[in-house]
Amino acid sequence: EMRQAILNKMYTESYNGRSMTKQELADSLGIKYQQLVYQLTNHLSDFWTVIKEEKVRGTRMEYIAPANPNAVHLCIGKDRRIYIIDPIAELYGPIDVVGTRCDKCSVEEAEYCVQSLIEKNLIPKELTTSERETLSMNKRSGLRPLDRGFIEALKSITAGDNCVLTIPCERCTFMQRKNLITIN
């Protein structure tokens, strides 16, 4: 719970264009500075980076932000089960249990996003049998943009590449609902 709150606050603030010191982050969450530093150092080190340092009265004040503010993190567990860490959407756990941020969008919004990804050649038009099986094992239909994006991400991981999946949906209804982007 504490780690989830730390990630959510840090990612949300970075979308608002604000970097925070570790002390500000601890204060905003109502936890002790030492607790925050312990969590950041020992459990969340892959999720954040120092973006600026200032010397204040003989000490260093570090401004931190997410290492990749647009990231949705994935890992694969036993039996091809997909686990998700999505700090902006506050989703942590098996994808078949917690879902994705796209699940909050209407069918029409999801169809628009999937079609946009196909037109931009980011995802193929059709899924292979193996891809359908992986989605089925995770109780996903493949009709949501992130479902399709996850399949592409997993393919690059199995090919031995690092994977950074960028889904450029300028109309993302989820992000608009969270007041993180404005659509004119």
N, C-alpha and C. Protein backbone atom coordinates (compact mmCIF):
# COMPACT_ATOMS: atom_id res chain seq x y z
N GLU A 1 0.81 -1.20 0.00
CA GLU A 1 0.00 0.00 0.00
C GLU A 1 0.86 1.27 0.00
N MET A 2 1.90 1.31 0.85
CA MET A 2 2.74 2.50 0.91
C MET A 2 3.48 2.70 -0.41
N ARG A 3 4.00 1.62 -0.97
CA ARG A 3 4.72 1.73 -2.25
C ARG A 3 3.79 2.21 -3.35
N GLN A 4 2.58 1.71 -3.35
CA GLN A 4 1.61 2.13 -4.35
C GLN A 4 1.30 3.61 -4.22
N ALA A 5 1.14 4.08 -2.99
CA ALA A 5 0.86 5.51 -2.76
C ALA A 5 2.04 6.37 -3.21
N ILE A 6 3.25 5.91 -2.94
CA ILE A 6 4.46 6.65 -3.35
C ILE A 6 4.50 6.76 -4.87
N LEU A 7 4.32 5.64 -5.55
CA LEU A 7 4.37 5.65 -7.02
C LEU A 7 3.26 6.52 -7.60
N ASN A 8 2.05 6.36 -7.10
CA ASN A 8 0.93 7.13 -7.64
C ASN A 8 1.17 8.63 -7.49
N LYS A 9 1.59 9.06 -6.33
CA LYS A 9 1.82 10.49 -6.08
C LYS A 9 2.94 11.01 -6.98
N MET A 10 4.03 10.28 -7.07
CA MET A 10 5.17 10.72 -7.87
C MET A 10 4.81 10.80 -9.36
N TYR A 11 4.11 9.80 -9.88
CA TYR A 11 3.74 9.79 -11.30
C TYR A 11 2.71 10.88 -11.60
N THR A 12 1.73 11.04 -10.73
CA THR A 12 0.70 12.06 -10.95
C THR A 12 1.31 13.46 -10.93
N GLU A 13 2.17 13.73 -9.98
CA GLU A 13 2.80 15.05 -9.91
C GLU A 13 3.67 15.31 -11.13
N SER A 14 4.34 14.29 -11.63
CA SER A 14 5.20 14.51 -12.80
C SER A 14 4.37 14.84 -14.04
N TYR A 15 3.16 14.27 -14.15
CA TYR A 15 2.28 14.62 -15.27
C TYR A 15 1.85 16.07 -15.19
N ASN A 16 1.77 16.58 -13.98
CA ASN A 16 1.41 17.99 -13.80
C ASN A 16 2.62 18.89 -13.96
N GLY A 17 3.75 18.33 -14.39
CA GLY A 17 4.96 19.11 -14.64
C GLY A 17 5.70 19.52 -13.39
N ARG A 18 5.47 18.82 -12.30
CA ARG A 18 6.07 19.20 -11.03
C ARG A 18 7.03 18.12 -10.55
N SER A 19 8.26 18.54 -10.27
CA SER A 19 9.19 17.62 -9.62
C SER A 19 9.13 17.91 -8.12
N MET A 20 9.40 16.92 -7.32
CA MET A 20 9.30 17.07 -5.87
C MET A 20 10.60 16.63 -5.21
N THR A 21 10.86 17.21 -4.06
CA THR A 21 11.96 16.69 -3.26
C THR A 21 11.44 15.46 -2.52
N LYS A 22 12.37 14.67 -2.04
CA LYS A 22 11.95 13.50 -1.26
C LYS A 22 11.18 13.93 -0.02
N GLN A 23 11.61 15.04 0.58
CA GLN A 23 10.92 15.53 1.78
C GLN A 23 9.49 15.96 1.45
N GLU A 24 9.31 16.66 0.33
CA GLU A 24 7.96 17.08 -0.07
C GLU A 24 7.07 15.87 -0.33
N LEU A 25 7.64 14.85 -0.96
CA LEU A 25 6.87 13.64 -1.24
C LEU A 25 6.48 12.95 0.07
N ALA A 26 7.41 12.84 0.99
CA ALA A 26 7.11 12.23 2.28
C ALA A 26 6.03 13.02 3.01
N ASP A 27 6.16 14.34 3.04
CA ASP A 27 5.17 15.18 3.71
C ASP A 27 3.79 15.05 3.08
N SER A 28 3.74 15.02 1.75
CA SER A 28 2.44 14.93 1.06
C SER A 28 1.74 13.60 1.33
N LEU A 29 2.52 12.56 1.62
CA LEU A 29 1.96 11.24 1.90
C LEU A 29 1.75 11.00 3.39
N GLY A 30 2.24 11.91 4.21
CA GLY A 30 2.09 11.76 5.65
C GLY A 30 2.94 10.64 6.23
N ILE A 31 4.11 10.41 5.63
CA ILE A 31 5.02 9.38 6.14
C ILE A 31 6.35 10.03 6.51
N LYS A 32 7.14 9.31 7.28
CA LYS A 32 8.45 9.83 7.68
C LYS A 32 9.41 9.79 6.50
N TYR A 33 10.32 10.75 6.47
CA TYR A 33 11.32 10.84 5.41
C TYR A 33 12.12 9.54 5.30
N GLN A 34 12.52 8.98 6.44
CA GLN A 34 13.31 7.76 6.45
C GLN A 34 12.54 6.59 5.84
N GLN A 35 11.24 6.52 6.10
CA GLN A 35 10.41 5.47 5.50
C GLN A 35 10.40 5.59 3.98
N LEU A 36 10.25 6.83 3.50
CA LEU A 36 10.22 7.06 2.06
C LEU A 36 11.55 6.67 1.43
N VAL A 37 12.65 7.12 2.01
CA VAL A 37 13.97 6.82 1.45
C VAL A 37 14.21 5.31 1.44
N TYR A 38 13.80 4.62 2.49
CA TYR A 38 13.95 3.16 2.53
C TYR A 38 13.19 2.51 1.38
N GLN A 39 11.94 2.90 1.18
CA GLN A 39 11.12 2.33 0.11
C GLN A 39 11.71 2.64 -1.26
N LEU A 40 12.11 3.90 -1.48
CA LEU A 40 12.68 4.30 -2.76
C LEU A 40 13.97 3.54 -3.06
N THR A 41 14.82 3.40 -2.07
CA THR A 41 16.12 2.78 -2.26
C THR A 41 16.03 1.26 -2.39
N ASN A 42 15.24 0.64 -1.54
CA ASN A 42 15.24 -0.82 -1.48
C ASN A 42 14.16 -1.52 -2.30
N HIS A 43 13.08 -0.83 -2.61
CA HIS A 43 11.99 -1.51 -3.30
C HIS A 43 11.55 -0.84 -4.61
N LEU A 44 11.83 0.43 -4.76
CA LEU A 44 11.31 1.17 -5.91
C LEU A 44 12.41 1.81 -6.75
N SER A 45 13.63 1.32 -6.65
CA SER A 45 14.76 1.98 -7.31
C SER A 45 14.64 2.05 -8.83
N ASP A 46 13.93 1.12 -9.46
CA ASP A 46 13.78 1.15 -10.92
C ASP A 46 12.74 2.16 -11.39
N PHE A 47 11.99 2.72 -10.48
CA PHE A 47 10.86 3.56 -10.86
C PHE A 47 11.14 5.06 -10.82
N TRP A 48 12.27 5.49 -10.27
CA TRP A 48 12.50 6.92 -10.11
C TRP A 48 13.93 7.29 -10.43
N THR A 49 14.15 8.59 -10.61
CA THR A 49 15.48 9.11 -10.87
C THR A 49 15.59 10.51 -10.25
N VAL A 50 16.82 10.91 -9.96
CA VAL A 50 17.07 12.28 -9.48
C VAL A 50 17.20 13.16 -10.71
N ILE A 51 16.39 14.22 -10.77
CA ILE A 51 16.44 15.09 -11.95
C ILE A 51 17.16 16.41 -11.67
N LYS A 52 17.32 16.74 -10.39
CA LYS A 52 18.01 17.98 -10.05
C LYS A 52 18.46 17.91 -8.60
N GLU A 53 19.61 18.51 -8.32
CA GLU A 53 20.10 18.58 -6.94
C GLU A 53 20.41 20.02 -6.60
N GLU A 54 20.12 20.39 -5.36
CA GLU A 54 20.47 21.72 -4.86
C GLU A 54 21.13 21.54 -3.50
N LYS A 55 22.11 22.40 -3.24
CA LYS A 55 22.71 22.40 -1.90
C LYS A 55 21.98 23.42 -1.06
N VAL A 56 21.48 22.94 0.07
CA VAL A 56 20.75 23.81 0.98
C VAL A 56 21.33 23.61 2.37
N ARG A 57 21.90 24.66 2.91
CA ARG A 57 22.49 24.63 4.25
C ARG A 57 23.37 23.42 4.49
N GLY A 58 24.23 23.14 3.54
CA GLY A 58 25.21 22.07 3.69
C GLY A 58 24.70 20.67 3.36
N THR A 59 23.45 20.55 2.98
CA THR A 59 22.93 19.24 2.60
C THR A 59 22.46 19.27 1.15
N ARG A 60 22.30 18.09 0.59
CA ARG A 60 21.79 17.99 -0.78
C ARG A 60 20.29 17.80 -0.75
N MET A 61 19.61 18.60 -1.56
CA MET A 61 18.17 18.42 -1.71
C MET A 61 17.96 17.85 -3.11
N GLU A 62 17.43 16.62 -3.18
CA GLU A 62 17.24 15.95 -4.46
C GLU A 62 15.79 16.08 -4.92
N TYR A 63 15.63 16.52 -6.16
CA TYR A 63 14.32 16.53 -6.80
C TYR A 63 14.19 15.24 -7.59
N ILE A 64 13.11 14.52 -7.36
CA ILE A 64 12.95 13.22 -8.01
C ILE A 64 11.71 13.23 -8.90
N ALA A 65 11.73 12.32 -9.86
CA ALA A 65 10.61 12.12 -10.77
C ALA A 65 10.65 10.68 -11.26
N PRO A 66 9.57 10.21 -11.86
CA PRO A 66 9.58 8.85 -12.40
C PRO A 66 10.66 8.70 -13.47
N ALA A 67 11.29 7.55 -13.51
CA ALA A 67 12.30 7.28 -14.54
C ALA A 67 11.66 7.32 -15.92
N ASN A 68 10.45 6.84 -16.04
CA ASN A 68 9.68 6.91 -17.29
C ASN A 68 8.24 7.23 -16.91
N PRO A 69 7.87 8.52 -16.97
CA PRO A 69 6.55 8.93 -16.46
C PRO A 69 5.36 8.35 -17.22
N ASN A 70 5.57 7.86 -18.43
CA ASN A 70 4.46 7.31 -19.21
C ASN A 70 4.36 5.80 -19.10
N ALA A 71 5.17 5.20 -18.27
CA ALA A 71 5.30 3.74 -18.25
C ALA A 71 4.14 3.03 -17.59
N VAL A 72 3.82 1.89 -18.17
CA VAL A 72 2.99 0.88 -17.55
C VAL A 72 3.90 -0.34 -17.51
N HIS A 73 4.23 -0.81 -16.33
CA HIS A 73 5.21 -1.88 -16.15
C HIS A 73 4.52 -3.24 -16.17
N LEU A 74 5.18 -4.20 -16.82
CA LEU A 74 4.66 -5.56 -16.94
C LEU A 74 5.67 -6.57 -16.47
N CYS A 75 5.19 -7.67 -15.98
CA CYS A 75 6.05 -8.83 -15.80
C CYS A 75 5.20 -10.07 -16.02
N ILE A 76 5.87 -11.16 -16.32
CA ILE A 76 5.18 -12.41 -16.62
C ILE A 76 5.41 -13.36 -15.46
N GLY A 77 4.36 -13.97 -15.00
CA GLY A 77 4.45 -14.94 -13.93
C GLY A 77 4.21 -16.35 -14.45
N LYS A 78 3.93 -17.22 -13.54
CA LYS A 78 3.68 -18.63 -13.86
C LYS A 78 2.49 -18.74 -14.82
N ASP A 79 2.58 -19.68 -15.74
CA ASP A 79 1.51 -19.95 -16.71
C ASP A 79 1.14 -18.75 -17.57
N ARG A 80 2.14 -17.97 -17.95
CA ARG A 80 1.96 -16.80 -18.83
C ARG A 80 1.01 -15.75 -18.24
N ARG A 81 0.92 -15.71 -16.93
CA ARG A 81 0.07 -14.71 -16.28
C ARG A 81 0.79 -13.37 -16.31
N ILE A 82 0.08 -12.34 -16.74
CA ILE A 82 0.66 -11.01 -16.87
C ILE A 82 0.32 -10.19 -15.62
N TYR A 83 1.35 -9.55 -15.06
CA TYR A 83 1.17 -8.67 -13.91
C TYR A 83 1.45 -7.25 -14.35
N ILE A 84 0.70 -6.30 -13.82
CA ILE A 84 0.79 -4.91 -14.25
C ILE A 84 1.07 -4.00 -13.05
N ILE A 85 1.89 -2.99 -13.30
CA ILE A 85 2.08 -1.89 -12.36
C ILE A 85 1.82 -0.63 -13.17
N ASP A 86 0.70 0.01 -12.90
CA ASP A 86 0.30 1.24 -13.61
C ASP A 86 0.01 2.30 -12.56
N PRO A 87 1.05 3.06 -12.15
CA PRO A 87 0.88 4.03 -11.07
C PRO A 87 -0.17 5.11 -11.34
N ILE A 88 -0.28 5.58 -12.58
CA ILE A 88 -1.25 6.62 -12.88
C ILE A 88 -2.68 6.11 -12.67
N ALA A 89 -2.94 4.90 -13.12
CA ALA A 89 -4.29 4.32 -12.99
C ALA A 89 -4.49 3.63 -11.65
N GLU A 90 -3.44 3.54 -10.84
CA GLU A 90 -3.48 2.87 -9.54
C GLU A 90 -3.90 1.41 -9.69
N LEU A 91 -3.27 0.74 -10.65
CA LEU A 91 -3.52 -0.68 -10.88
C LEU A 91 -2.24 -1.46 -10.59
N TYR A 92 -2.34 -2.41 -9.66
CA TYR A 92 -1.19 -3.19 -9.24
C TYR A 92 -1.63 -4.63 -9.05
N GLY A 93 -1.10 -5.55 -9.86
CA GLY A 93 -1.43 -6.95 -9.67
C GLY A 93 -1.67 -7.67 -10.98
N PRO A 94 -2.26 -8.87 -10.90
CA PRO A 94 -2.51 -9.65 -12.11
C PRO A 94 -3.53 -8.93 -12.99
N ILE A 95 -3.25 -8.89 -14.27
CA ILE A 95 -4.10 -8.15 -15.20
C ILE A 95 -5.51 -8.74 -15.26
N ASP A 96 -5.64 -10.05 -15.02
CA ASP A 96 -6.98 -10.66 -15.05
C ASP A 96 -7.80 -10.27 -13.83
N VAL A 97 -7.16 -9.74 -12.80
CA VAL A 97 -7.86 -9.31 -11.59
C VAL A 97 -8.08 -7.80 -11.59
N VAL A 98 -7.00 -7.04 -11.87
CA VAL A 98 -7.09 -5.57 -11.75
C VAL A 98 -7.48 -4.88 -13.05
N GLY A 99 -7.31 -5.53 -14.19
CA GLY A 99 -7.67 -4.92 -15.47
C GLY A 99 -6.63 -3.92 -15.94
N THR A 100 -7.05 -3.05 -16.86
CA THR A 100 -6.17 -2.00 -17.39
C THR A 100 -6.90 -0.67 -17.35
N ARG A 101 -6.17 0.41 -17.54
CA ARG A 101 -6.79 1.73 -17.57
C ARG A 101 -7.80 1.83 -18.72
N CYS A 102 -7.60 1.08 -19.78
CA CYS A 102 -8.50 1.11 -20.94
C CYS A 102 -9.88 0.51 -20.62
N ASP A 103 -9.97 -0.28 -19.56
CA ASP A 103 -11.25 -0.89 -19.20
C ASP A 103 -12.27 0.16 -18.76
N LYS A 104 -11.80 1.33 -18.38
CA LYS A 104 -12.69 2.40 -17.93
C LYS A 104 -13.27 3.19 -19.10
N CYS A 105 -12.79 2.91 -20.31
CA CYS A 105 -13.26 3.62 -21.50
C CYS A 105 -14.41 2.85 -22.14
N SER A 106 -15.22 3.57 -22.91
CA SER A 106 -16.33 2.93 -23.62
C SER A 106 -15.79 2.06 -24.75
N VAL A 107 -16.64 1.20 -25.28
CA VAL A 107 -16.26 0.33 -26.40
C VAL A 107 -15.85 1.19 -27.60
N GLU A 108 -16.59 2.26 -27.86
CA GLU A 108 -16.29 3.14 -28.99
C GLU A 108 -14.92 3.80 -28.83
N GLU A 109 -14.62 4.26 -27.62
CA GLU A 109 -13.31 4.89 -27.37
C GLU A 109 -12.19 3.88 -27.57
N ALA A 110 -12.38 2.67 -27.06
CA ALA A 110 -11.36 1.63 -27.21
C ALA A 110 -11.17 1.26 -28.67
N GLU A 111 -12.26 1.12 -29.42
CA GLU A 111 -12.16 0.79 -30.84
C GLU A 111 -11.40 1.88 -31.60
N TYR A 112 -11.66 3.14 -31.26
CA TYR A 112 -10.96 4.25 -31.91
C TYR A 112 -9.46 4.14 -31.66
N CYS A 113 -9.08 3.88 -30.41
CA CYS A 113 -7.66 3.79 -30.06
C CYS A 113 -6.98 2.60 -30.75
N VAL A 114 -7.64 1.45 -30.75
CA VAL A 114 -7.07 0.27 -31.41
C VAL A 114 -6.88 0.56 -32.90
N GLN A 115 -7.89 1.14 -33.54
CA GLN A 115 -7.79 1.46 -34.96
C GLN A 115 -6.65 2.45 -35.22
N SER A 116 -6.49 3.42 -34.33
CA SER A 116 -5.40 4.39 -34.44
C SER A 116 -4.04 3.71 -34.36
N LEU A 117 -3.90 2.75 -33.46
CA LEU A 117 -2.64 2.01 -33.32
C LEU A 117 -2.35 1.15 -34.55
N ILE A 118 -3.39 0.58 -35.12
CA ILE A 118 -3.22 -0.22 -36.35
C ILE A 118 -2.78 0.68 -37.49
N GLU A 119 -3.43 1.84 -37.64
CA GLU A 119 -3.08 2.78 -38.72
C GLU A 119 -1.66 3.30 -38.59
N LYS A 120 -1.18 3.44 -37.36
CA LYS A 120 0.19 3.93 -37.12
C LYS A 120 1.21 2.78 -37.16
N ASN A 121 0.75 1.59 -37.50
CA ASN A 121 1.60 0.39 -37.59
C ASN A 121 2.31 0.05 -36.28
N LEU A 122 1.66 0.33 -35.16
CA LEU A 122 2.23 -0.02 -33.86
C LEU A 122 1.79 -1.41 -33.42
N ILE A 123 0.65 -1.83 -33.91
CA ILE A 123 0.16 -3.18 -33.63
C ILE A 123 -0.37 -3.77 -34.93
N PRO A 124 -0.31 -5.10 -35.07
CA PRO A 124 -0.87 -5.72 -36.29
C PRO A 124 -2.40 -5.73 -36.23
N LYS A 125 -2.99 -5.87 -37.38
CA LYS A 125 -4.45 -5.88 -37.46
C LYS A 125 -5.02 -7.14 -36.80
N GLU A 126 -4.35 -8.27 -36.98
CA GLU A 126 -4.85 -9.54 -36.44
C GLU A 126 -3.87 -10.10 -35.41
N LEU A 127 -4.41 -10.84 -34.45
CA LEU A 127 -3.60 -11.52 -33.44
C LEU A 127 -3.33 -12.95 -33.89
N THR A 128 -2.16 -13.48 -33.54
CA THR A 128 -1.86 -14.88 -33.83
C THR A 128 -2.58 -15.76 -32.81
N THR A 129 -2.60 -17.05 -33.07
CA THR A 129 -3.24 -18.00 -32.15
C THR A 129 -2.58 -17.95 -30.78
N SER A 130 -1.26 -17.91 -30.75
CA SER A 130 -0.52 -17.85 -29.49
C SER A 130 -0.84 -16.57 -28.72
N GLU A 131 -0.95 -15.46 -29.42
CA GLU A 131 -1.28 -14.18 -28.77
C GLU A 131 -2.69 -14.23 -28.20
N ARG A 132 -3.62 -14.81 -28.94
CA ARG A 132 -4.99 -14.96 -28.44
C ARG A 132 -5.03 -15.84 -27.19
N GLU A 133 -4.22 -16.92 -27.19
CA GLU A 133 -4.16 -17.81 -26.03
C GLU A 133 -3.62 -17.08 -24.81
N THR A 134 -2.57 -16.28 -25.01
CA THR A 134 -1.99 -15.52 -23.89
C THR A 134 -3.03 -14.56 -23.32
N LEU A 135 -3.73 -13.86 -24.18
CA LEU A 135 -4.78 -12.95 -23.72
C LEU A 135 -5.90 -13.72 -23.02
N SER A 136 -6.29 -14.84 -23.59
CA SER A 136 -7.36 -15.65 -23.01
C SER A 136 -6.98 -16.16 -21.62
N MET A 137 -5.72 -16.60 -21.45
CA MET A 137 -5.25 -17.08 -20.14
C MET A 137 -5.31 -15.97 -19.10
N ASN A 138 -5.23 -14.72 -19.56
CA ASN A 138 -5.27 -13.57 -18.67
C ASN A 138 -6.65 -12.92 -18.66
N LYS A 139 -7.65 -13.64 -19.19
CA LYS A 139 -9.04 -13.18 -19.23
C LYS A 139 -9.17 -11.81 -19.90
N ARG A 140 -8.45 -11.64 -21.01
CA ARG A 140 -8.49 -10.39 -21.78
C ARG A 140 -8.98 -10.71 -23.19
N SER A 141 -9.72 -9.80 -23.76
CA SER A 141 -10.31 -10.04 -25.08
C SER A 141 -9.41 -9.60 -26.23
N GLY A 142 -8.51 -8.67 -25.96
CA GLY A 142 -7.68 -8.14 -27.03
C GLY A 142 -8.35 -6.97 -27.74
N LEU A 143 -9.50 -6.55 -27.24
CA LEU A 143 -10.24 -5.45 -27.86
C LEU A 143 -9.87 -4.09 -27.26
N ARG A 144 -9.04 -4.08 -26.25
CA ARG A 144 -8.61 -2.83 -25.62
C ARG A 144 -7.19 -2.51 -26.08
N PRO A 145 -6.88 -1.23 -26.24
CA PRO A 145 -5.56 -0.84 -26.76
C PRO A 145 -4.39 -1.40 -25.94
N LEU A 146 -4.49 -1.35 -24.62
CA LEU A 146 -3.37 -1.84 -23.82
C LEU A 146 -3.22 -3.35 -23.91
N ASP A 147 -4.31 -4.08 -24.10
CA ASP A 147 -4.19 -5.53 -24.31
C ASP A 147 -3.28 -5.79 -25.51
N ARG A 148 -3.55 -5.09 -26.58
CA ARG A 148 -2.78 -5.26 -27.81
C ARG A 148 -1.35 -4.75 -27.61
N GLY A 149 -1.22 -3.65 -26.89
CA GLY A 149 0.11 -3.11 -26.61
C GLY A 149 0.94 -4.05 -25.77
N PHE A 150 0.30 -4.70 -24.79
CA PHE A 150 1.02 -5.64 -23.94
C PHE A 150 1.57 -6.80 -24.76
N ILE A 151 0.79 -7.29 -25.71
CA ILE A 151 1.25 -8.39 -26.56
C ILE A 151 2.50 -7.95 -27.33
N GLU A 152 2.48 -6.74 -27.88
CA GLU A 152 3.65 -6.24 -28.61
C GLU A 152 4.85 -6.11 -27.66
N ALA A 153 4.61 -5.63 -26.45
CA ALA A 153 5.69 -5.49 -25.47
C ALA A 153 6.28 -6.85 -25.12
N LEU A 154 5.42 -7.82 -24.90
CA LEU A 154 5.89 -9.15 -24.54
C LEU A 154 6.69 -9.78 -25.67
N LYS A 155 6.30 -9.53 -26.91
CA LYS A 155 7.05 -10.06 -28.05
C LYS A 155 8.47 -9.50 -28.08
N SER A 156 8.64 -8.23 -27.78
CA SER A 156 9.99 -7.65 -27.81
C SER A 156 10.83 -8.17 -26.65
N ILE A 157 10.19 -8.43 -25.52
CA ILE A 157 10.92 -8.98 -24.37
C ILE A 157 11.43 -10.38 -24.69
N THR A 158 10.59 -11.21 -25.29
CA THR A 158 11.01 -12.57 -25.62
C THR A 158 12.07 -12.58 -26.71
N ALA A 159 12.13 -11.51 -27.51
CA ALA A 159 13.17 -11.40 -28.54
C ALA A 159 14.48 -10.90 -27.93
N GLY A 160 14.48 -10.62 -26.62
CA GLY A 160 15.69 -10.18 -25.94
C GLY A 160 15.91 -8.68 -25.96
N ASP A 161 14.93 -7.94 -26.45
CA ASP A 161 15.06 -6.48 -26.49
C ASP A 161 14.48 -5.87 -25.22
N ASN A 162 14.97 -4.68 -24.90
CA ASN A 162 14.31 -3.90 -23.86
C ASN A 162 13.04 -3.37 -24.47
N CYS A 163 12.05 -3.21 -23.66
CA CYS A 163 10.78 -2.78 -24.22
C CYS A 163 10.30 -1.50 -23.58
N VAL A 164 10.13 -0.50 -24.40
CA VAL A 164 9.44 0.71 -23.98
C VAL A 164 8.32 0.87 -24.98
N LEU A 165 7.12 0.69 -24.52
CA LEU A 165 5.96 0.78 -25.38
C LEU A 165 5.35 2.16 -25.24
N THR A 166 5.23 2.86 -26.34
CA THR A 166 4.61 4.17 -26.32
C THR A 166 3.33 4.08 -27.12
N ILE A 167 2.23 4.41 -26.49
CA ILE A 167 0.96 4.41 -27.18
C ILE A 167 0.53 5.86 -27.35
N PRO A 168 0.73 6.39 -28.55
CA PRO A 168 0.47 7.82 -28.77
C PRO A 168 -1.00 8.10 -29.11
N CYS A 169 -1.84 8.01 -28.13
CA CYS A 169 -3.25 8.31 -28.39
C CYS A 169 -3.52 9.71 -27.87
N GLU A 170 -3.57 10.65 -28.79
CA GLU A 170 -3.77 12.05 -28.43
C GLU A 170 -5.18 12.30 -27.89
N ARG A 171 -6.03 11.31 -27.97
CA ARG A 171 -7.42 11.43 -27.53
C ARG A 171 -7.72 10.59 -26.30
N CYS A 172 -6.72 10.17 -25.57
CA CYS A 172 -6.90 9.21 -24.47
C CYS A 172 -7.93 9.72 -23.46
N THR A 173 -9.06 9.06 -23.44
CA THR A 173 -10.16 9.46 -22.56
C THR A 173 -9.80 9.25 -21.10
N PHE A 174 -9.09 8.17 -20.81
CA PHE A 174 -8.68 7.91 -19.42
C PHE A 174 -7.83 9.06 -18.89
N MET A 175 -6.82 9.47 -19.68
CA MET A 175 -5.93 10.55 -19.24
C MET A 175 -6.69 11.86 -19.12
N GLN A 176 -7.66 12.07 -19.99
CA GLN A 176 -8.46 13.29 -19.91
C GLN A 176 -9.32 13.27 -18.64
N ARG A 177 -9.90 12.11 -18.32
CA ARG A 177 -10.71 11.99 -17.11
C ARG A 177 -9.90 12.25 -15.85
N LYS A 178 -8.63 11.85 -15.88
CA LYS A 178 -7.75 12.07 -14.72
C LYS A 178 -7.21 13.50 -14.71
N ASN A 179 -7.65 14.32 -15.67
CA ASN A 179 -7.19 15.71 -15.81
C ASN A 179 -5.68 15.78 -16.03
N LEU A 180 -5.14 14.80 -16.77
CA LEU A 180 -3.71 14.79 -17.04
C LEU A 180 -3.40 15.31 -18.43
N ILE A 181 -4.37 15.26 -19.33
CA ILE A 181 -4.21 15.89 -20.63
C ILE A 181 -5.49 16.64 -20.95
N THR A 182 -5.38 17.63 -21.79
CA THR A 182 -6.54 18.40 -22.21
C THR A 182 -6.73 18.18 -23.70
N ILE A 183 -7.94 17.87 -24.08
CA ILE A 183 -8.25 17.66 -25.49
C ILE A 183 -9.14 18.80 -25.94
N ASN A 184 -8.69 19.51 -26.96
CA ASN A 184 -9.48 20.64 -27.48
C ASN A 184 -10.45 20.17 -28.54
